[in-house]
Amino acid sequence: MSEQIAARASHPHQPGWFDLVSVMIESMLDNAGEEAEGFLQGVGASLATRYPLAEARTVQDLEREMNLQLARFNWGFVQLQPQQNAILLQHHALPQGDIHVAAERWQLALSAVLAGLYAQWLQAQGGSAAVPVTLEKNDGGTLHYRYQ
């Protein structure tokens, strides 16, 4: 029981809301299988539309604007690394799930939401809808994406 209390104390959300999201994600992963990833990416894109970024003139501006919105959600932060023909995105401090959803499944779900969120934000800043944001690596503490 103390694990449940500790897990809930780490999430400063109104009681019931985190449980609802957790149950919905677990059910979606159980029932939709591979289709869940696309759906969750769409959820991320919808969130990006609801919470648009201010116009960014530089990569630093873009990173700052993304982090302002991520802080609003208490979802960690992103670091952008421009490459010659790509942008690498490293998402740190991913919110933890609860004891009812395995950490791997929780990270899988949130990584899809974040891929949709980042893709939509980049598209709204002038990026192409044809350029995907793909998860390259999940090292447990950081999600590594590539926009290329």
N, C-alpha and C. Protein backbone atom coordinates (compact mmCIF):
# COMPACT_ATOMS: atom_id res chain seq x y z
N MET A 1 0.82 -1.19 0.00
CA MET A 1 0.00 0.00 0.00
C MET A 1 0.86 1.26 0.00
N SER A 2 1.99 1.23 0.71
CA SER A 2 2.84 2.42 0.74
C SER A 2 3.41 2.74 -0.64
N GLU A 3 3.59 1.71 -1.51
CA GLU A 3 4.05 1.96 -2.88
C GLU A 3 3.01 2.75 -3.65
N GLN A 4 1.73 2.44 -3.46
CA GLN A 4 0.67 3.17 -4.14
C GLN A 4 0.64 4.62 -3.68
N ILE A 5 0.78 4.85 -2.39
CA ILE A 5 0.77 6.21 -1.86
C ILE A 5 1.97 6.98 -2.39
N ALA A 6 3.14 6.35 -2.41
CA ALA A 6 4.34 7.01 -2.92
C ALA A 6 4.18 7.32 -4.41
N ALA A 7 3.62 6.39 -5.18
CA ALA A 7 3.43 6.61 -6.62
C ALA A 7 2.48 7.78 -6.86
N ARG A 8 1.43 7.85 -6.08
CA ARG A 8 0.47 8.94 -6.26
C ARG A 8 1.03 10.26 -5.77
N ALA A 9 1.85 10.23 -4.73
CA ALA A 9 2.45 11.47 -4.22
C ALA A 9 3.41 12.08 -5.23
N SER A 10 3.99 11.23 -6.09
CA SER A 10 4.93 11.75 -7.08
C SER A 10 4.21 12.41 -8.25
N HIS A 11 2.90 12.29 -8.33
CA HIS A 11 2.10 12.90 -9.39
C HIS A 11 1.18 13.95 -8.77
N PRO A 12 1.50 15.21 -8.94
CA PRO A 12 0.67 16.25 -8.33
C PRO A 12 -0.59 16.52 -9.14
N HIS A 13 -1.42 15.50 -9.32
CA HIS A 13 -2.63 15.63 -10.10
C HIS A 13 -3.83 15.44 -9.19
N GLN A 14 -4.95 15.98 -9.63
CA GLN A 14 -6.18 15.77 -8.90
C GLN A 14 -6.47 14.27 -8.84
N PRO A 15 -6.86 13.75 -7.69
CA PRO A 15 -7.12 12.31 -7.57
C PRO A 15 -8.09 11.83 -8.66
N GLY A 16 -7.77 10.69 -9.22
CA GLY A 16 -8.62 10.10 -10.24
C GLY A 16 -8.18 10.39 -11.66
N TRP A 17 -7.63 11.56 -11.93
CA TRP A 17 -7.25 11.90 -13.30
C TRP A 17 -6.10 11.06 -13.79
N PHE A 18 -5.08 10.91 -12.99
CA PHE A 18 -3.94 10.10 -13.43
C PHE A 18 -4.35 8.64 -13.56
N ASP A 19 -5.20 8.18 -12.65
CA ASP A 19 -5.70 6.81 -12.73
C ASP A 19 -6.48 6.61 -14.03
N LEU A 20 -7.31 7.58 -14.39
CA LEU A 20 -8.09 7.49 -15.61
C LEU A 20 -7.17 7.39 -16.83
N VAL A 21 -6.18 8.25 -16.92
CA VAL A 21 -5.24 8.23 -18.04
C VAL A 21 -4.49 6.91 -18.07
N SER A 22 -4.05 6.46 -16.92
CA SER A 22 -3.31 5.21 -16.82
C SER A 22 -4.15 4.03 -17.31
N VAL A 23 -5.39 3.94 -16.88
CA VAL A 23 -6.28 2.85 -17.29
C VAL A 23 -6.56 2.95 -18.79
N MET A 24 -6.77 4.16 -19.30
CA MET A 24 -7.03 4.32 -20.73
C MET A 24 -5.83 3.88 -21.56
N ILE A 25 -4.64 4.26 -21.15
CA ILE A 25 -3.45 3.88 -21.90
C ILE A 25 -3.25 2.37 -21.85
N GLU A 26 -3.38 1.79 -20.69
CA GLU A 26 -3.22 0.34 -20.56
C GLU A 26 -4.25 -0.40 -21.42
N SER A 27 -5.49 0.05 -21.40
CA SER A 27 -6.54 -0.57 -22.22
C SER A 27 -6.26 -0.41 -23.70
N MET A 28 -5.80 0.76 -24.08
CA MET A 28 -5.48 1.01 -25.48
C MET A 28 -4.36 0.10 -25.96
N LEU A 29 -3.32 -0.03 -25.17
CA LEU A 29 -2.20 -0.89 -25.54
C LEU A 29 -2.63 -2.36 -25.61
N ASP A 30 -3.50 -2.76 -24.70
CA ASP A 30 -3.98 -4.14 -24.69
C ASP A 30 -4.88 -4.45 -25.89
N ASN A 31 -5.74 -3.51 -26.25
CA ASN A 31 -6.77 -3.77 -27.25
C ASN A 31 -6.42 -3.33 -28.67
N ALA A 32 -5.62 -2.30 -28.82
CA ALA A 32 -5.36 -1.77 -30.16
C ALA A 32 -4.05 -2.27 -30.74
N GLY A 33 -3.19 -2.82 -29.93
CA GLY A 33 -1.92 -3.35 -30.43
C GLY A 33 -1.10 -2.29 -31.15
N GLU A 34 -0.66 -2.61 -32.36
CA GLU A 34 0.20 -1.70 -33.12
C GLU A 34 -0.53 -0.42 -33.53
N GLU A 35 -1.84 -0.48 -33.65
CA GLU A 35 -2.61 0.71 -34.00
C GLU A 35 -2.59 1.76 -32.90
N ALA A 36 -2.30 1.34 -31.68
CA ALA A 36 -2.27 2.27 -30.55
C ALA A 36 -1.21 3.35 -30.76
N GLU A 37 -0.08 2.98 -31.34
CA GLU A 37 1.00 3.96 -31.54
C GLU A 37 0.54 5.10 -32.44
N GLY A 38 -0.10 4.78 -33.55
CA GLY A 38 -0.60 5.83 -34.45
C GLY A 38 -1.65 6.70 -33.79
N PHE A 39 -2.54 6.06 -33.03
CA PHE A 39 -3.56 6.82 -32.32
C PHE A 39 -2.92 7.78 -31.33
N LEU A 40 -1.95 7.28 -30.56
CA LEU A 40 -1.30 8.12 -29.55
C LEU A 40 -0.49 9.25 -30.19
N GLN A 41 0.09 9.00 -31.36
CA GLN A 41 0.77 10.08 -32.08
C GLN A 41 -0.23 11.15 -32.48
N GLY A 42 -1.43 10.73 -32.88
CA GLY A 42 -2.49 11.68 -33.20
C GLY A 42 -2.92 12.49 -31.99
N VAL A 43 -2.93 11.84 -30.83
CA VAL A 43 -3.24 12.56 -29.58
C VAL A 43 -2.19 13.64 -29.34
N GLY A 44 -0.91 13.29 -29.54
CA GLY A 44 0.16 14.27 -29.38
C GLY A 44 0.02 15.42 -30.34
N ALA A 45 -0.33 15.13 -31.60
CA ALA A 45 -0.52 16.19 -32.60
C ALA A 45 -1.67 17.10 -32.19
N SER A 46 -2.75 16.52 -31.66
CA SER A 46 -3.89 17.32 -31.20
C SER A 46 -3.49 18.23 -30.04
N LEU A 47 -2.67 17.70 -29.13
CA LEU A 47 -2.19 18.54 -28.03
C LEU A 47 -1.35 19.71 -28.55
N ALA A 48 -0.51 19.43 -29.55
CA ALA A 48 0.32 20.49 -30.12
C ALA A 48 -0.54 21.58 -30.75
N THR A 49 -1.66 21.19 -31.33
CA THR A 49 -2.58 22.17 -31.92
C THR A 49 -3.26 22.99 -30.84
N ARG A 50 -3.59 22.35 -29.74
CA ARG A 50 -4.21 23.08 -28.61
C ARG A 50 -3.24 24.01 -27.91
N TYR A 51 -1.96 23.63 -27.91
CA TYR A 51 -0.92 24.40 -27.23
C TYR A 51 0.17 24.76 -28.23
N PRO A 52 -0.14 25.68 -29.13
CA PRO A 52 0.85 26.03 -30.16
C PRO A 52 2.04 26.78 -29.57
N LEU A 53 3.13 26.73 -30.31
CA LEU A 53 4.33 27.44 -29.91
C LEU A 53 4.34 28.83 -30.52
N ALA A 54 4.98 29.76 -29.83
CA ALA A 54 5.23 31.07 -30.44
C ALA A 54 6.23 30.86 -31.58
N GLU A 55 6.21 31.76 -32.54
CA GLU A 55 7.13 31.64 -33.67
C GLU A 55 8.57 31.66 -33.18
N ALA A 56 9.34 30.72 -33.68
CA ALA A 56 10.75 30.60 -33.29
C ALA A 56 11.61 30.97 -34.50
N ARG A 57 12.58 31.82 -34.27
CA ARG A 57 13.48 32.23 -35.35
C ARG A 57 14.77 31.40 -35.36
N THR A 58 15.11 30.82 -34.22
CA THR A 58 16.33 30.02 -34.12
C THR A 58 16.00 28.69 -33.45
N VAL A 59 16.94 27.77 -33.52
CA VAL A 59 16.76 26.48 -32.84
C VAL A 59 16.67 26.71 -31.34
N GLN A 60 17.45 27.66 -30.82
CA GLN A 60 17.37 27.98 -29.39
C GLN A 60 15.98 28.47 -29.01
N ASP A 61 15.40 29.33 -29.86
CA ASP A 61 14.04 29.81 -29.60
C ASP A 61 13.05 28.65 -29.60
N LEU A 62 13.21 27.75 -30.57
CA LEU A 62 12.32 26.60 -30.68
C LEU A 62 12.41 25.71 -29.44
N GLU A 63 13.62 25.44 -29.02
CA GLU A 63 13.82 24.62 -27.82
C GLU A 63 13.18 25.28 -26.60
N ARG A 64 13.38 26.59 -26.45
CA ARG A 64 12.79 27.31 -25.32
C ARG A 64 11.27 27.23 -25.35
N GLU A 65 10.68 27.45 -26.53
CA GLU A 65 9.21 27.42 -26.64
C GLU A 65 8.66 26.03 -26.35
N MET A 66 9.34 25.00 -26.86
CA MET A 66 8.90 23.64 -26.56
C MET A 66 8.96 23.37 -25.05
N ASN A 67 10.05 23.79 -24.43
CA ASN A 67 10.22 23.53 -23.00
C ASN A 67 9.24 24.32 -22.14
N LEU A 68 8.83 25.49 -22.60
CA LEU A 68 7.80 26.23 -21.86
C LEU A 68 6.49 25.44 -21.83
N GLN A 69 6.13 24.85 -22.97
CA GLN A 69 4.90 24.06 -23.00
C GLN A 69 5.06 22.75 -22.23
N LEU A 70 6.20 22.08 -22.39
CA LEU A 70 6.42 20.83 -21.64
C LEU A 70 6.38 21.07 -20.14
N ALA A 71 6.92 22.20 -19.70
CA ALA A 71 6.89 22.55 -18.27
C ALA A 71 5.45 22.75 -17.81
N ARG A 72 4.64 23.31 -18.67
CA ARG A 72 3.22 23.51 -18.36
C ARG A 72 2.54 22.18 -18.05
N PHE A 73 2.95 21.11 -18.77
CA PHE A 73 2.39 19.78 -18.57
C PHE A 73 3.14 18.99 -17.49
N ASN A 74 4.29 19.50 -17.05
CA ASN A 74 5.17 18.78 -16.12
C ASN A 74 5.64 17.47 -16.77
N TRP A 75 6.07 17.58 -18.05
CA TRP A 75 6.46 16.42 -18.84
C TRP A 75 7.95 16.36 -19.12
N GLY A 76 8.76 17.01 -18.33
CA GLY A 76 10.20 16.98 -18.58
C GLY A 76 10.62 18.09 -19.52
N PHE A 77 11.73 17.86 -20.22
CA PHE A 77 12.25 18.89 -21.13
C PHE A 77 12.96 18.25 -22.31
N VAL A 78 13.14 19.05 -23.36
CA VAL A 78 13.77 18.57 -24.57
C VAL A 78 15.01 19.41 -24.87
N GLN A 79 16.00 18.76 -25.44
CA GLN A 79 17.19 19.45 -25.96
C GLN A 79 17.23 19.16 -27.45
N LEU A 80 17.43 20.20 -28.25
CA LEU A 80 17.50 20.07 -29.69
C LEU A 80 18.94 20.18 -30.14
N GLN A 81 19.33 19.30 -31.04
CA GLN A 81 20.67 19.32 -31.61
C GLN A 81 20.54 19.35 -33.13
N PRO A 82 20.74 20.52 -33.73
CA PRO A 82 20.65 20.58 -35.19
C PRO A 82 21.82 19.83 -35.83
N GLN A 83 21.51 19.11 -36.89
CA GLN A 83 22.50 18.40 -37.70
C GLN A 83 22.45 19.03 -39.09
N GLN A 84 23.26 18.53 -40.00
CA GLN A 84 23.29 19.09 -41.34
C GLN A 84 21.91 19.02 -42.01
N ASN A 85 21.24 17.88 -41.92
CA ASN A 85 19.92 17.74 -42.56
C ASN A 85 18.89 17.12 -41.63
N ALA A 86 19.07 17.31 -40.34
CA ALA A 86 18.16 16.73 -39.35
C ALA A 86 18.20 17.54 -38.06
N ILE A 87 17.26 17.26 -37.21
CA ILE A 87 17.30 17.77 -35.83
C ILE A 87 17.15 16.56 -34.92
N LEU A 88 18.07 16.43 -33.99
CA LEU A 88 17.96 15.39 -32.97
C LEU A 88 17.27 16.00 -31.76
N LEU A 89 16.32 15.29 -31.21
CA LEU A 89 15.58 15.74 -30.03
C LEU A 89 15.83 14.74 -28.92
N GLN A 90 16.29 15.22 -27.79
CA GLN A 90 16.47 14.36 -26.62
C GLN A 90 15.49 14.83 -25.55
N HIS A 91 14.55 13.94 -25.23
CA HIS A 91 13.55 14.26 -24.22
C HIS A 91 13.98 13.65 -22.90
N HIS A 92 14.16 14.50 -21.90
CA HIS A 92 14.62 14.09 -20.57
C HIS A 92 13.49 14.22 -19.55
N ALA A 93 13.62 13.48 -18.45
CA ALA A 93 12.72 13.58 -17.30
C ALA A 93 11.27 13.26 -17.68
N LEU A 94 11.10 12.18 -18.42
CA LEU A 94 9.77 11.71 -18.80
C LEU A 94 8.97 11.43 -17.54
N PRO A 95 7.71 11.87 -17.50
CA PRO A 95 6.91 11.59 -16.31
C PRO A 95 6.79 10.08 -16.08
N GLN A 96 6.84 9.70 -14.85
CA GLN A 96 6.73 8.28 -14.49
C GLN A 96 5.27 7.87 -14.45
N GLY A 97 5.05 6.62 -14.78
CA GLY A 97 3.71 6.06 -14.68
C GLY A 97 3.42 5.67 -13.24
N ASP A 98 2.46 4.81 -13.08
CA ASP A 98 2.16 4.33 -11.74
C ASP A 98 2.50 2.85 -11.65
N ILE A 99 2.21 2.24 -10.55
CA ILE A 99 2.59 0.84 -10.34
C ILE A 99 1.72 -0.12 -11.14
N HIS A 100 0.65 0.38 -11.75
CA HIS A 100 -0.28 -0.49 -12.47
C HIS A 100 0.09 -0.67 -13.94
N VAL A 101 0.94 0.19 -14.48
CA VAL A 101 1.36 0.09 -15.87
C VAL A 101 2.88 -0.12 -15.87
N ALA A 102 3.32 -1.16 -16.52
CA ALA A 102 4.76 -1.44 -16.59
C ALA A 102 5.49 -0.24 -17.19
N ALA A 103 6.65 0.07 -16.64
CA ALA A 103 7.42 1.24 -17.08
C ALA A 103 7.66 1.22 -18.59
N GLU A 104 7.96 0.05 -19.13
CA GLU A 104 8.22 -0.06 -20.57
C GLU A 104 6.99 0.32 -21.39
N ARG A 105 5.83 -0.14 -20.96
CA ARG A 105 4.58 0.18 -21.69
C ARG A 105 4.23 1.66 -21.54
N TRP A 106 4.43 2.20 -20.37
CA TRP A 106 4.16 3.62 -20.14
C TRP A 106 5.06 4.47 -21.04
N GLN A 107 6.35 4.13 -21.09
CA GLN A 107 7.28 4.88 -21.93
C GLN A 107 6.93 4.73 -23.40
N LEU A 108 6.50 3.56 -23.81
CA LEU A 108 6.08 3.33 -25.19
C LEU A 108 4.92 4.27 -25.55
N ALA A 109 3.95 4.35 -24.67
CA ALA A 109 2.78 5.20 -24.92
C ALA A 109 3.18 6.67 -24.96
N LEU A 110 3.94 7.12 -23.97
CA LEU A 110 4.32 8.53 -23.95
C LEU A 110 5.27 8.89 -25.08
N SER A 111 6.11 7.95 -25.49
CA SER A 111 7.01 8.25 -26.60
C SER A 111 6.22 8.48 -27.89
N ALA A 112 5.11 7.77 -28.07
CA ALA A 112 4.26 7.99 -29.24
C ALA A 112 3.56 9.34 -29.14
N VAL A 113 3.04 9.68 -27.98
CA VAL A 113 2.40 10.99 -27.80
C VAL A 113 3.40 12.10 -28.08
N LEU A 114 4.60 11.97 -27.55
CA LEU A 114 5.62 13.00 -27.76
C LEU A 114 6.05 13.09 -29.23
N ALA A 115 6.12 11.96 -29.93
CA ALA A 115 6.47 12.00 -31.35
C ALA A 115 5.44 12.82 -32.12
N GLY A 116 4.16 12.61 -31.83
CA GLY A 116 3.11 13.39 -32.48
C GLY A 116 3.16 14.86 -32.10
N LEU A 117 3.44 15.13 -30.84
CA LEU A 117 3.53 16.50 -30.34
C LEU A 117 4.66 17.24 -31.05
N TYR A 118 5.85 16.63 -31.06
CA TYR A 118 7.00 17.27 -31.69
C TYR A 118 6.80 17.44 -33.19
N ALA A 119 6.25 16.42 -33.84
CA ALA A 119 6.03 16.51 -35.29
C ALA A 119 5.10 17.67 -35.63
N GLN A 120 4.02 17.81 -34.88
CA GLN A 120 3.06 18.89 -35.15
C GLN A 120 3.68 20.26 -34.85
N TRP A 121 4.41 20.37 -33.74
CA TRP A 121 5.06 21.64 -33.44
C TRP A 121 6.05 22.03 -34.53
N LEU A 122 6.83 21.06 -35.01
CA LEU A 122 7.81 21.35 -36.06
C LEU A 122 7.11 21.71 -37.36
N GLN A 123 6.04 21.03 -37.68
CA GLN A 123 5.28 21.35 -38.88
C GLN A 123 4.71 22.77 -38.79
N ALA A 124 4.18 23.13 -37.63
CA ALA A 124 3.62 24.47 -37.45
C ALA A 124 4.68 25.57 -37.55
N GLN A 125 5.94 25.21 -37.34
CA GLN A 125 7.04 26.17 -37.46
C GLN A 125 7.58 26.23 -38.89
N GLY A 126 6.92 25.53 -39.82
CA GLY A 126 7.35 25.57 -41.21
C GLY A 126 7.93 24.27 -41.71
N GLY A 127 7.97 23.25 -40.87
CA GLY A 127 8.47 21.95 -41.29
C GLY A 127 7.48 21.24 -42.19
N SER A 128 7.95 20.24 -42.87
CA SER A 128 7.12 19.48 -43.80
C SER A 128 6.39 18.36 -43.07
N ALA A 129 5.13 18.16 -43.45
CA ALA A 129 4.35 17.05 -42.90
C ALA A 129 4.91 15.71 -43.36
N ALA A 130 5.69 15.72 -44.44
CA ALA A 130 6.26 14.48 -44.97
C ALA A 130 7.51 14.05 -44.20
N VAL A 131 8.03 14.92 -43.35
CA VAL A 131 9.25 14.60 -42.59
C VAL A 131 8.82 14.05 -41.23
N PRO A 132 9.14 12.79 -40.95
CA PRO A 132 8.68 12.19 -39.69
C PRO A 132 9.60 12.51 -38.51
N VAL A 133 9.02 12.42 -37.34
CA VAL A 133 9.78 12.41 -36.08
C VAL A 133 9.78 10.95 -35.64
N THR A 134 10.96 10.35 -35.59
CA THR A 134 11.03 8.93 -35.25
C THR A 134 11.83 8.73 -33.97
N LEU A 135 11.35 7.83 -33.16
CA LEU A 135 12.05 7.45 -31.94
C LEU A 135 13.19 6.52 -32.34
N GLU A 136 14.42 6.93 -32.03
CA GLU A 136 15.59 6.11 -32.35
C GLU A 136 16.02 5.24 -31.19
N LYS A 137 15.86 5.76 -29.99
CA LYS A 137 16.35 5.02 -28.83
C LYS A 137 15.62 5.49 -27.58
N ASN A 138 15.37 4.53 -26.70
CA ASN A 138 14.83 4.81 -25.38
C ASN A 138 15.80 4.17 -24.40
N ASP A 139 16.60 5.01 -23.74
CA ASP A 139 17.57 4.42 -22.81
C ASP A 139 17.03 4.37 -21.39
N GLY A 140 15.72 4.52 -21.24
CA GLY A 140 15.09 4.43 -19.92
C GLY A 140 14.94 5.78 -19.24
N GLY A 141 15.89 6.66 -19.46
CA GLY A 141 15.81 7.98 -18.86
C GLY A 141 15.64 9.09 -19.88
N THR A 142 16.00 8.79 -21.12
CA THR A 142 15.94 9.78 -22.20
C THR A 142 15.39 9.11 -23.45
N LEU A 143 14.49 9.83 -24.11
CA LEU A 143 13.97 9.39 -25.40
C LEU A 143 14.73 10.16 -26.48
N HIS A 144 15.27 9.45 -27.45
CA HIS A 144 16.05 10.06 -28.53
C HIS A 144 15.24 9.99 -29.82
N TYR A 145 14.89 11.16 -30.36
CA TYR A 145 14.12 11.26 -31.59
C TYR A 145 14.99 11.88 -32.69
N ARG A 146 14.60 11.60 -33.92
CA ARG A 146 15.24 12.24 -35.09
C ARG A 146 14.13 12.82 -35.95
N TYR A 147 14.31 14.08 -36.33
CA TYR A 147 13.42 14.74 -37.28
C TYR A 147 14.21 14.84 -38.58
N GLN A 148 13.87 13.94 -39.53
CA GLN A 148 14.60 13.89 -40.80
C GLN A 148 13.77 13.15 -41.82
